[in-house]
């Protein structure tokens, strides 16, 4: 049967790939043979260090900057990626922005627009940039990073939860359009993962959250990335419109 997780000959774009879950996904794709391009927003230091780490291992990573909520920036990023890799087989929409804990009545329009703009609009813009070409080639994989909060919600994060729920709905709808052309659209909804975003919360919040988890600990990015590999590889060819949830049991669907 061969290695169903082999990505040799495939090209992949990972947004928000300079750190956290996106970085782990990009690295795992490289390790399994894909050519990978990432974008970030103002995170040049981490992006260059990631690129250098991969170069030492004989793996080439393409890096650039892009605000995924800006259509012009996404268009430039798309052209840049295609110039370097040709057609793009896999898109991982990992770029995300966490909202500050703020009750809905205290949420400014600008806060709402920025959170939805990056997490939902950005996912749409990047997907749209590559989707038509995938359909015309009869091959593609779109993997959207949502969140368990799309299902359970959280006080003070109405904007973030709404955006991530939108990502889940977008994934399901687009899967109907892509699947007849072998363009599989799926999502990942991670639970609490030990990243810089999670560490912005207070120690008290973190300990209380950890105590709620059946597994009794936060996840690691290395435990989320294999789900993306599954969906990107031949092993995930029968998944369409699904949202897989590595979340330590915090949400059981």
Foldseek 3Di string as FASTA:
>chain_A
DPDQLAQAPAEEEFEQCLDFLNVLLQVVNQVRHYAYEYEYAPPVPSNVVSQVVQVVVVTHYHYYYAQLLDLVRLLVVLVVSCVVRNAHAEYELPFADAADQAAPVGDDPVSLCSRLSRLAVSLVSNCVSRVVVCLVVLGHEYEYEAAPCCPVPDGSRPSNNVSSVNVLVVQQVVLVVNVVSLYAGEYEHEAAEPTPVNVVDDPVVQQVVLVLAPQSDHHYSNVRSVVVSCRSGSNNSPHHSYYHYHYRRNDDD
